[in-house]
Amino acid sequence: MTKSLNPTTLPPAFPDPTQLPDSDGTFVENFQEHPQSILLTDSLETTLQTLHPDGEYAIGQDCGIYCRETEPPERGAEAPDWFYVPNVPPLFDGEIRRSYVLWREYIVPLIAIEFASSDGSEERDNTPLSRLPEGINQKPGKFWVYEQIIRIPYYAIYIIKTSELEVYNWVNTRYRRLEPNERGHYTIELMGVELGVWEGSYQNQTQRWLRWWDNQGNLLLTGSEQAKLERLHTEQERQRADAESQRAEAERQRAEQEQQHKERLAAYLRSQGIDPDLI
């Protein structure tokens, strides 16, 4: 009797975003984080439309980037406060993204930004996997994961309390800290923009905010700011047109008065027997 062979047992497929947690259950650490993320995204819209006329890009805000398969799954993910991934569809398989899974999409984020509520030590943590104690449910340092596992080209740390900004660029397998340019901004060459700190009011908060500029140093405006600027220009044009109309009306009235004066003078001269055309 021939013994039947057992079919080959394949390892389970890597999970996709629909099978992975989309939250680690922690609270947002301060009230500035959400408007700060919205400000970065909103003001970058025109730039991203230029970079991606096909609409192929994704923005993550407090979303998990899964880079290692672990148990529990959250240990294999980091969730930057803000990140941008070029050349990927905004939806995953036609559905809203819940997380970003590297083994499903392969393209790494171009920049990740962390808003540090404390002194930034957590965001600079460079502890590798090899130094973690055995059997303890700990994660490697966030800096180490971004640098050595995900290898994100640009990593920025914004310390909210002090408004300090640190920007790192991945070169030759390591992050090197960038120096600001003459405007105090950091050049993100692959995006054609600069990142820096701006003081002003946004969503009813007057703070120092992280913002984008173009490579000529012009502030990239949000949709609301652009609309206000356009309304201001429209009002200035209206006022200029009104002033021009008033000047034209004043000139017309002056010319009319002058003509009336000439006619009265001519009438007087004729009454005195003098021909005004001979004068």
C-alpha atoms as a PDB file:
ATOM      1  CA  MET A   1       0.000   0.000   0.000  1.00  0.00           C
ATOM      2  CA  THR A   2       1.420   3.356  -1.046  1.00  0.00           C
ATOM      3  CA  LYS A   3       1.717   5.870   1.765  1.00  0.00           C
ATOM      4  CA  SER A   4       0.202   9.251   0.852  1.00  0.00           C
ATOM      5  CA  LEU A   5       2.413  12.321   1.206  1.00  0.00           C
ATOM      6  CA  ASN A   6       1.348  15.211   3.389  1.00  0.00           C
ATOM      7  CA  PRO A   7       0.962  18.470   1.444  1.00  0.00           C
ATOM      8  CA  THR A   8       3.682  21.031   2.067  1.00  0.00           C
ATOM      9  CA  THR A   9       2.771  23.365   4.925  1.00  0.00           C
ATOM     10  CA  LEU A  10       3.388  26.983   3.967  1.00  0.00           C
ATOM     11  CA  PRO A  11       4.074  29.713   6.517  1.00  0.00           C
ATOM     12  CA  PRO A  12       1.204  32.130   7.060  1.00  0.00           C
ATOM     13  CA  ALA A  13       1.145  35.159   4.801  1.00  0.00           C
ATOM     14  CA  PHE A  14       2.405  38.419   6.187  1.00  0.00           C
ATOM     15  CA  PRO A  15      -0.557  40.399   7.543  1.00  0.00           C
ATOM     16  CA  ASP A  16      -1.826  43.472   5.705  1.00  0.00           C
ATOM     17  CA  PRO A  17      -3.183  46.768   7.151  1.00  0.00           C
ATOM     18  CA  THR A  18      -6.660  45.281   7.642  1.00  0.00           C
ATOM     19  CA  GLN A  19      -5.227  42.611   9.967  1.00  0.00           C
ATOM     20  CA  LEU A  20      -2.998  44.836  12.124  1.00  0.00           C
ATOM     21  CA  PRO A  21      -3.940  47.153  15.018  1.00  0.00           C
ATOM     22  CA  ASP A  22      -4.395  50.786  14.037  1.00  0.00           C
ATOM     23  CA  SER A  23      -3.830  52.176  17.548  1.00  0.00           C
ATOM     24  CA  ASP A  24      -1.612  51.461  20.517  1.00  0.00           C
ATOM     25  CA  GLY A  25      -4.138  52.882  22.970  1.00  0.00           C
ATOM     26  CA  THR A  26      -2.099  55.909  24.040  1.00  0.00           C
ATOM     27  CA  PHE A  27      -3.365  59.463  24.331  1.00  0.00           C
ATOM     28  CA  VAL A  28      -2.198  62.387  22.217  1.00  0.00           C
ATOM     29  CA  GLU A  29       0.291  64.162  24.494  1.00  0.00           C
ATOM     30  CA  ASN A  30      -0.724  67.791  23.917  1.00  0.00           C
ATOM     31  CA  PHE A  31      -3.353  69.953  22.220  1.00  0.00           C
ATOM     32  CA  GLN A  32      -0.910  71.322  19.656  1.00  0.00           C
ATOM     33  CA  GLU A  33      -0.193  67.980  17.953  1.00  0.00           C
ATOM     34  CA  HIS A  34      -3.329  67.658  15.839  1.00  0.00           C
ATOM     35  CA  PRO A  35      -3.455  71.247  14.528  1.00  0.00           C
ATOM     36  CA  GLN A  36       0.303  71.050  13.928  1.00  0.00           C
ATOM     37  CA  SER A  37      -0.176  67.961  11.745  1.00  0.00           C
ATOM     38  CA  ILE A  38      -3.053  69.585   9.858  1.00  0.00           C
ATOM     39  CA  LEU A  39      -0.979  72.729   9.298  1.00  0.00           C
ATOM     40  CA  LEU A  40       1.888  70.733   7.781  1.00  0.00           C
ATOM     41  CA  THR A  41      -0.432  68.801   5.480  1.00  0.00           C
ATOM     42  CA  ASP A  42      -2.647  71.702   4.423  1.00  0.00           C
ATOM     43  CA  SER A  43       0.206  74.039   3.496  1.00  0.00           C
ATOM     44  CA  LEU A  44       1.972  71.324   1.482  1.00  0.00           C
ATOM     45  CA  GLU A  45      -0.997  70.508  -0.764  1.00  0.00           C
ATOM     46  CA  THR A  46       0.011  72.628  -3.777  1.00  0.00           C
ATOM     47  CA  THR A  47       3.600  71.355  -3.602  1.00  0.00           C
ATOM     48  CA  LEU A  48       2.434  67.735  -3.500  1.00  0.00           C
ATOM     49  CA  GLN A  49       0.092  68.311  -6.436  1.00  0.00           C
ATOM     50  CA  THR A  50       3.103  69.548  -8.403  1.00  0.00           C
ATOM     51  CA  LEU A  51       5.270  66.616  -7.304  1.00  0.00           C
ATOM     52  CA  HIS A  52       2.486  64.073  -7.878  1.00  0.00           C
ATOM     53  CA  PRO A  53       0.091  65.191 -10.614  1.00  0.00           C
ATOM     54  CA  ASP A  54      -1.227  61.607 -10.597  1.00  0.00           C
ATOM     55  CA  GLY A  55      -2.172  61.933  -6.906  1.00  0.00           C
ATOM     56  CA  GLU A  56       0.072  59.027  -5.900  1.00  0.00           C
ATOM     57  CA  TYR A  57       1.211  59.911  -2.385  1.00  0.00           C
ATOM     58  CA  ALA A  58       0.116  59.310   1.200  1.00  0.00           C
ATOM     59  CA  ILE A  59       0.286  61.402   4.373  1.00  0.00           C
ATOM     60  CA  GLY A  60       0.245  59.699   7.771  1.00  0.00           C
ATOM     61  CA  GLN A  61      -0.612  61.380  11.068  1.00  0.00           C
ATOM     62  CA  ASP A  62      -0.147  59.259  14.203  1.00  0.00           C
ATOM     63  CA  CYS A  63      -0.457  56.164  11.984  1.00  0.00           C
ATOM     64  CA  GLY A  64       1.614  53.033  12.517  1.00  0.00           C
ATOM     65  CA  ILE A  65       4.449  52.150  10.157  1.00  0.00           C
ATOM     66  CA  TYR A  66       4.838  48.365  10.446  1.00  0.00           C
ATOM     67  CA  CYS A  67       8.414  47.313   9.688  1.00  0.00           C
ATOM     68  CA  ARG A  68       8.833  44.043  11.675  1.00  0.00           C
ATOM     69  CA  GLU A  69       6.482  41.138  12.336  1.00  0.00           C
ATOM     70  CA  THR A  70       6.307  40.762  16.115  1.00  0.00           C
ATOM     71  CA  GLU A  71       4.007  39.581  18.864  1.00  0.00           C
ATOM     72  CA  PRO A  72       2.190  41.664  19.884  1.00  0.00           C
ATOM     73  CA  PRO A  73       2.118  43.375  16.471  1.00  0.00           C
ATOM     74  CA  GLU A  74       2.462  46.880  17.921  1.00  0.00           C
ATOM     75  CA  ARG A  75       6.050  46.141  18.962  1.00  0.00           C
ATOM     76  CA  GLY A  76       6.996  45.981  15.296  1.00  0.00           C
ATOM     77  CA  ALA A  77       5.609  49.414  14.462  1.00  0.00           C
ATOM     78  CA  GLU A  78       6.411  53.064  15.000  1.00  0.00           C
ATOM     79  CA  ALA A  79       3.824  55.824  14.673  1.00  0.00           C
ATOM     80  CA  PRO A  80       5.401  59.156  13.679  1.00  0.00           C
ATOM     81  CA  ASP A  81       3.313  62.203  14.440  1.00  0.00           C
ATOM     82  CA  TRP A  82       3.522  63.104  10.735  1.00  0.00           C
ATOM     83  CA  PHE A  83       5.044  61.392   7.693  1.00  0.00           C
ATOM     84  CA  TYR A  84       4.914  61.530   3.905  1.00  0.00           C
ATOM     85  CA  VAL A  85       5.266  58.622   1.474  1.00  0.00           C
ATOM     86  CA  PRO A  86       5.766  59.414  -2.225  1.00  0.00           C
ATOM     87  CA  ASN A  87       4.574  57.313  -5.150  1.00  0.00           C
ATOM     88  CA  VAL A  88       1.990  55.180  -3.362  1.00  0.00           C
ATOM     89  CA  PRO A  89      -1.804  55.342  -3.734  1.00  0.00           C
ATOM     90  CA  PRO A  90      -3.645  57.318  -1.033  1.00  0.00           C
ATOM     91  CA  LEU A  91      -5.880  54.271  -0.456  1.00  0.00           C
ATOM     92  CA  PHE A  92      -4.861  50.661   0.189  1.00  0.00           C
ATOM     93  CA  ASP A  93      -6.783  48.235  -2.024  1.00  0.00           C
ATOM     94  CA  GLY A  94      -9.418  50.923  -2.465  1.00  0.00           C
ATOM     95  CA  GLU A  95      -9.959  51.451   1.286  1.00  0.00           C
ATOM     96  CA  ILE A  96      -8.889  54.174   3.695  1.00  0.00           C
ATOM     97  CA  ARG A  97      -5.470  53.412   5.153  1.00  0.00           C
ATOM     98  CA  ARG A  98      -5.368  52.330   8.790  1.00  0.00           C
ATOM     99  CA  SER A  99      -1.586  51.894   8.894  1.00  0.00           C
ATOM    100  CA  TYR A 100       1.395  51.663   6.561  1.00  0.00           C
ATOM    101  CA  VAL A 101       2.900  48.188   6.169  1.00  0.00           C
ATOM    102  CA  LEU A 102       6.350  48.119   4.600  1.00  0.00           C
ATOM    103  CA  TRP A 103       6.293  44.456   3.596  1.00  0.00           C
ATOM    104  CA  ARG A 104       3.160  45.143   1.547  1.00  0.00           C
ATOM    105  CA  GLU A 105       4.287  48.341  -0.180  1.00  0.00           C
ATOM    106  CA  TYR A 106       8.115  48.496  -0.005  1.00  0.00           C
ATOM    107  CA  ILE A 107       8.417  52.272  -0.480  1.00  0.00           C
ATOM    108  CA  VAL A 108       9.695  53.944   2.687  1.00  0.00           C
ATOM    109  CA  PRO A 109       8.410  57.337   3.875  1.00  0.00           C
ATOM    110  CA  LEU A 110      10.555  60.212   2.634  1.00  0.00           C
ATOM    111  CA  ILE A 111      10.272  62.180   5.880  1.00  0.00           C
ATOM    112  CA  ALA A 112       8.996  61.476   9.390  1.00  0.00           C
ATOM    113  CA  ILE A 113       8.388  64.192  11.977  1.00  0.00           C
ATOM    114  CA  GLU A 114       7.983  63.761  15.728  1.00  0.00           C
ATOM    115  CA  PHE A 115       6.484  66.451  17.995  1.00  0.00           C
ATOM    116  CA  ALA A 116       8.297  65.966  21.303  1.00  0.00           C
ATOM    117  CA  SER A 117       6.348  67.017  24.392  1.00  0.00           C
ATOM    118  CA  SER A 118       9.357  66.523  26.684  1.00  0.00           C
ATOM    119  CA  ASP A 119      13.060  67.098  25.939  1.00  0.00           C
ATOM    120  CA  GLY A 120      13.258  64.872  22.847  1.00  0.00           C
ATOM    121  CA  SER A 121      15.183  62.040  24.543  1.00  0.00           C
ATOM    122  CA  GLU A 122      12.569  59.459  23.542  1.00  0.00           C
ATOM    123  CA  GLU A 123      12.735  60.621  19.930  1.00  0.00           C
ATOM    124  CA  ARG A 124      16.566  60.415  20.007  1.00  0.00           C
ATOM    125  CA  ASP A 125      16.621  56.950  21.600  1.00  0.00           C
ATOM    126  CA  ASN A 126      19.198  54.933  19.646  1.00  0.00           C
ATOM    127  CA  THR A 127      18.871  51.660  21.553  1.00  0.00           C
ATOM    128  CA  PRO A 128      19.225  48.718  19.100  1.00  0.00           C
ATOM    129  CA  LEU A 129      17.417  45.388  19.306  1.00  0.00           C
ATOM    130  CA  SER A 130      20.626  43.676  20.384  1.00  0.00           C
ATOM    131  CA  ARG A 131      20.749  45.646  23.650  1.00  0.00           C
ATOM    132  CA  LEU A 132      17.233  44.865  24.801  1.00  0.00           C
ATOM    133  CA  PRO A 133      16.988  42.492  27.798  1.00  0.00           C
ATOM    134  CA  GLU A 134      15.825  38.962  27.000  1.00  0.00           C
ATOM    135  CA  GLY A 135      12.201  38.182  27.676  1.00  0.00           C
ATOM    136  CA  ILE A 136      11.165  41.767  28.362  1.00  0.00           C
ATOM    137  CA  ASN A 137       8.449  43.284  26.196  1.00  0.00           C
ATOM    138  CA  GLN A 138      10.402  46.344  25.079  1.00  0.00           C
ATOM    139  CA  LYS A 139      10.902  48.104  21.776  1.00  0.00           C
ATOM    140  CA  PRO A 140      14.180  49.346  20.315  1.00  0.00           C
ATOM    141  CA  GLY A 141      14.761  53.093  20.284  1.00  0.00           C
ATOM    142  CA  LYS A 142      12.681  55.159  17.889  1.00  0.00           C
ATOM    143  CA  PHE A 143      15.744  56.861  16.373  1.00  0.00           C
ATOM    144  CA  TRP A 144      17.386  53.457  15.783  1.00  0.00           C
ATOM    145  CA  VAL A 145      14.267  52.053  14.107  1.00  0.00           C
ATOM    146  CA  TYR A 146      13.958  55.015  11.728  1.00  0.00           C
ATOM    147  CA  GLU A 147      17.675  54.915  10.933  1.00  0.00           C
ATOM    148  CA  GLN A 148      18.468  51.189  10.803  1.00  0.00           C
ATOM    149  CA  ILE A 149      15.168  49.396  10.082  1.00  0.00           C
ATOM    150  CA  ILE A 150      12.966  51.747   8.045  1.00  0.00           C
ATOM    151  CA  ARG A 151      15.812  54.004   6.803  1.00  0.00           C
ATOM    152  CA  ILE A 152      13.714  57.122   6.334  1.00  0.00           C
ATOM    153  CA  PRO A 153      15.741  59.705   4.370  1.00  0.00           C
ATOM    154  CA  TYR A 154      14.730  62.669   6.589  1.00  0.00           C
ATOM    155  CA  TYR A 155      13.846  62.586  10.272  1.00  0.00           C
ATOM    156  CA  ALA A 156      12.798  65.744  12.156  1.00  0.00           C
ATOM    157  CA  ILE A 157      12.287  66.232  15.885  1.00  0.00           C
ATOM    158  CA  TYR A 158      10.367  69.331  16.974  1.00  0.00           C
ATOM    159  CA  ILE A 159      10.560  70.019  20.727  1.00  0.00           C
ATOM    160  CA  ILE A 160       7.333  71.884  21.420  1.00  0.00           C
ATOM    161  CA  LYS A 161       8.292  73.420  24.799  1.00  0.00           C
ATOM    162  CA  THR A 162      11.416  75.133  23.482  1.00  0.00           C
ATOM    163  CA  SER A 163      10.513  75.370  19.763  1.00  0.00           C
ATOM    164  CA  GLU A 164      13.806  73.645  18.917  1.00  0.00           C
ATOM    165  CA  LEU A 165      14.016  71.774  15.639  1.00  0.00           C
ATOM    166  CA  GLU A 166      16.471  69.000  14.780  1.00  0.00           C
ATOM    167  CA  VAL A 167      16.603  67.526  11.278  1.00  0.00           C
ATOM    168  CA  TYR A 168      18.584  64.427  10.294  1.00  0.00           C
ATOM    169  CA  ASN A 169      19.454  63.092   6.844  1.00  0.00           C
ATOM    170  CA  TRP A 170      20.199  59.415   6.151  1.00  0.00           C
ATOM    171  CA  VAL A 171      23.631  59.159   4.515  1.00  0.00           C
ATOM    172  CA  ASN A 172      25.818  56.037   4.255  1.00  0.00           C
ATOM    173  CA  THR A 173      23.636  53.971   6.627  1.00  0.00           C
ATOM    174  CA  ARG A 174      23.597  56.662   9.350  1.00  0.00           C
ATOM    175  CA  TYR A 175      21.716  59.814  10.241  1.00  0.00           C
ATOM    176  CA  ARG A 176      23.742  63.003  10.134  1.00  0.00           C
ATOM    177  CA  ARG A 177      22.325  66.111  11.732  1.00  0.00           C
ATOM    178  CA  LEU A 178      21.744  68.938   9.261  1.00  0.00           C
ATOM    179  CA  GLU A 179      22.666  72.577   9.795  1.00  0.00           C
ATOM    180  CA  PRO A 180      20.073  75.288   9.084  1.00  0.00           C
ATOM    181  CA  ASN A 181      20.526  77.579   6.103  1.00  0.00           C
ATOM    182  CA  GLU A 182      20.862  81.370   6.215  1.00  0.00           C
ATOM    183  CA  ARG A 183      17.092  81.662   6.806  1.00  0.00           C
ATOM    184  CA  GLY A 184      17.223  79.297   9.777  1.00  0.00           C
ATOM    185  CA  HIS A 185      15.429  76.595   7.742  1.00  0.00           C
ATOM    186  CA  TYR A 186      16.373  73.033   6.875  1.00  0.00           C
ATOM    187  CA  THR A 187      16.439  72.081   3.211  1.00  0.00           C
ATOM    188  CA  ILE A 188      14.509  68.930   2.291  1.00  0.00           C
ATOM    189  CA  GLU A 189      16.083  68.510  -1.131  1.00  0.00           C
ATOM    190  CA  LEU A 190      13.974  65.602  -2.355  1.00  0.00           C
ATOM    191  CA  MET A 191      10.813  67.672  -1.874  1.00  0.00           C
ATOM    192  CA  GLY A 192      12.155  71.066  -2.991  1.00  0.00           C
ATOM    193  CA  VAL A 193      11.048  72.696   0.276  1.00  0.00           C
ATOM    194  CA  GLU A 194      12.462  73.992   3.544  1.00  0.00           C
ATOM    195  CA  LEU A 195      11.305  73.146   7.064  1.00  0.00           C
ATOM    196  CA  GLY A 196      11.469  75.688   9.865  1.00  0.00           C
ATOM    197  CA  VAL A 197       9.712  77.369  12.796  1.00  0.00           C
ATOM    198  CA  TRP A 198       7.134  80.148  12.348  1.00  0.00           C
ATOM    199  CA  GLU A 199       5.413  82.222  15.023  1.00  0.00           C
ATOM    200  CA  GLY A 200       1.777  83.073  14.500  1.00  0.00           C
ATOM    201  CA  SER A 201      -1.846  82.102  15.056  1.00  0.00           C
ATOM    202  CA  TYR A 202      -3.420  78.938  13.703  1.00  0.00           C
ATOM    203  CA  GLN A 203      -6.738  77.374  14.754  1.00  0.00           C
ATOM    204  CA  ASN A 204      -7.132  79.813  17.650  1.00  0.00           C
ATOM    205  CA  GLN A 205      -3.649  79.113  19.041  1.00  0.00           C
ATOM    206  CA  THR A 206      -0.839  81.661  18.901  1.00  0.00           C
ATOM    207  CA  GLN A 207       2.293  79.534  19.061  1.00  0.00           C
ATOM    208  CA  ARG A 208       5.545  78.746  17.363  1.00  0.00           C
ATOM    209  CA  TRP A 209       4.655  76.236  14.662  1.00  0.00           C
ATOM    210  CA  LEU A 210       6.565  73.922  12.381  1.00  0.00           C
ATOM    211  CA  ARG A 211       6.040  75.069   8.778  1.00  0.00           C
ATOM    212  CA  TRP A 212       7.191  74.711   5.179  1.00  0.00           C
ATOM    213  CA  TRP A 213       8.785  77.278   2.867  1.00  0.00           C
ATOM    214  CA  ASP A 214       9.705  76.936  -0.796  1.00  0.00           C
ATOM    215  CA  ASN A 215      13.370  76.902  -1.781  1.00  0.00           C
ATOM    216  CA  GLN A 216      13.284  80.695  -2.295  1.00  0.00           C
ATOM    217  CA  GLY A 217      12.183  81.212   1.297  1.00  0.00           C
ATOM    218  CA  ASN A 218       8.499  81.962   0.622  1.00  0.00           C
ATOM    219  CA  LEU A 219       6.122  80.620   3.262  1.00  0.00           C
ATOM    220  CA  LEU A 220       3.796  77.923   1.915  1.00  0.00           C
ATOM    221  CA  LEU A 221       0.274  79.013   2.768  1.00  0.00           C
ATOM    222  CA  THR A 222      -2.660  76.963   3.980  1.00  0.00           C
ATOM    223  CA  GLY A 223      -5.886  77.006   1.999  1.00  0.00           C
ATOM    224  CA  SER A 224      -7.392  79.461   4.499  1.00  0.00           C
ATOM    225  CA  GLU A 225      -4.364  81.770   4.341  1.00  0.00           C
ATOM    226  CA  GLN A 226      -4.410  81.671   0.541  1.00  0.00           C
ATOM    227  CA  ALA A 227      -8.120  82.517   0.513  1.00  0.00           C
ATOM    228  CA  LYS A 228      -7.527  85.457   2.900  1.00  0.00           C
ATOM    229  CA  LEU A 229      -4.658  86.673   0.728  1.00  0.00           C
ATOM    230  CA  GLU A 230      -6.830  86.470  -2.384  1.00  0.00           C
ATOM    231  CA  ARG A 231      -9.632  88.380  -0.598  1.00  0.00           C
ATOM    232  CA  LEU A 232      -7.091  91.016   0.460  1.00  0.00           C
ATOM    233  CA  HIS A 233      -5.821  91.342  -3.112  1.00  0.00           C
ATOM    234  CA  THR A 234      -9.409  91.596  -4.379  1.00  0.00           C
ATOM    235  CA  GLU A 235     -10.188  94.303  -1.828  1.00  0.00           C
ATOM    236  CA  GLN A 236      -7.003  96.181  -2.703  1.00  0.00           C
ATOM    237  CA  GLU A 237      -7.893  96.003  -6.394  1.00  0.00           C
ATOM    238  CA  ARG A 238     -11.408  97.248  -5.623  1.00  0.00           C
ATOM    239  CA  GLN A 239     -10.031 100.135  -3.563  1.00  0.00           C
ATOM    240  CA  ARG A 240      -7.541 100.948  -6.332  1.00  0.00           C
ATOM    241  CA  ALA A 241     -10.336 100.895  -8.922  1.00  0.00           C
ATOM    242  CA  ASP A 242     -12.511 103.090  -6.679  1.00  0.00           C
ATOM    243  CA  ALA A 243      -9.655 105.573  -6.233  1.00  0.00           C
ATOM    244  CA  GLU A 244      -9.061 105.644  -9.998  1.00  0.00           C
ATOM    245  CA  SER A 245     -12.765 106.166 -10.598  1.00  0.00           C
ATOM    246  CA  GLN A 246     -12.820 109.005  -8.061  1.00  0.00           C
ATOM    247  CA  ARG A 247      -9.784 110.636  -9.709  1.00  0.00           C
ATOM    248  CA  ALA A 248     -11.449 110.340 -13.123  1.00  0.00           C
ATOM    249  CA  GLU A 249     -14.669 111.863 -11.754  1.00  0.00           C
ATOM    250  CA  ALA A 250     -12.739 114.711 -10.110  1.00  0.00           C
ATOM    251  CA  GLU A 251     -10.926 115.367 -13.405  1.00  0.00           C
ATOM    252  CA  ARG A 252     -14.217 115.346 -15.297  1.00  0.00           C
ATOM    253  CA  GLN A 253     -15.754 117.811 -12.838  1.00  0.00           C
ATOM    254  CA  ARG A 254     -12.671 120.076 -13.027  1.00  0.00           C
ATOM    255  CA  ALA A 255     -12.786 120.051 -16.831  1.00  0.00           C
ATOM    256  CA  GLU A 256     -16.524 120.780 -16.749  1.00  0.00           C
ATOM    257  CA  GLN A 257     -16.054 123.672 -14.328  1.00  0.00           C
ATOM    258  CA  GLU A 258     -13.255 125.064 -16.479  1.00  0.00           C
ATOM    259  CA  GLN A 259     -15.444 124.861 -19.565  1.00  0.00           C
ATOM    260  CA  GLN A 260     -18.313 126.597 -17.747  1.00  0.00           C
ATOM    261  CA  HIS A 261     -15.912 129.340 -16.609  1.00  0.00           C
ATOM    262  CA  LYS A 262     -14.702 129.856 -20.201  1.00  0.00           C
ATOM    263  CA  GLU A 263     -18.276 130.028 -21.464  1.00  0.00           C
ATOM    264  CA  ARG A 264     -19.254 132.610 -18.810  1.00  0.00           C
ATOM    265  CA  LEU A 265     -16.189 134.693 -19.606  1.00  0.00           C
ATOM    266  CA  ALA A 266     -16.899 134.516 -23.332  1.00  0.00           C
ATOM    267  CA  ALA A 267     -20.507 135.577 -22.699  1.00  0.00           C
ATOM    268  CA  TYR A 268     -19.351 138.532 -20.619  1.00  0.00           C
ATOM    269  CA  LEU A 269     -16.850 139.667 -23.256  1.00  0.00           C
ATOM    270  CA  ARG A 270     -19.521 139.531 -25.947  1.00  0.00           C
ATOM    271  CA  SER A 271     -21.820 141.599 -23.720  1.00  0.00           C
ATOM    272  CA  GLN A 272     -19.058 144.222 -23.725  1.00  0.00           C
ATOM    273  CA  GLY A 273     -18.757 144.164 -27.477  1.00  0.00           C
ATOM    274  CA  ILE A 274     -15.542 142.152 -27.480  1.00  0.00           C
ATOM    275  CA  ASP A 275     -15.104 139.085 -29.633  1.00  0.00           C
ATOM    276  CA  PRO A 276     -13.470 136.427 -27.362  1.00  0.00           C
ATOM    277  CA  ASP A 277     -12.066 134.585 -30.396  1.00  0.00           C
ATOM    278  CA  LEU A 278      -9.888 137.623 -31.183  1.00  0.00           C
ATOM    279  CA  ILE A 279      -8.280 137.703 -27.772  1.00  0.00           C
END
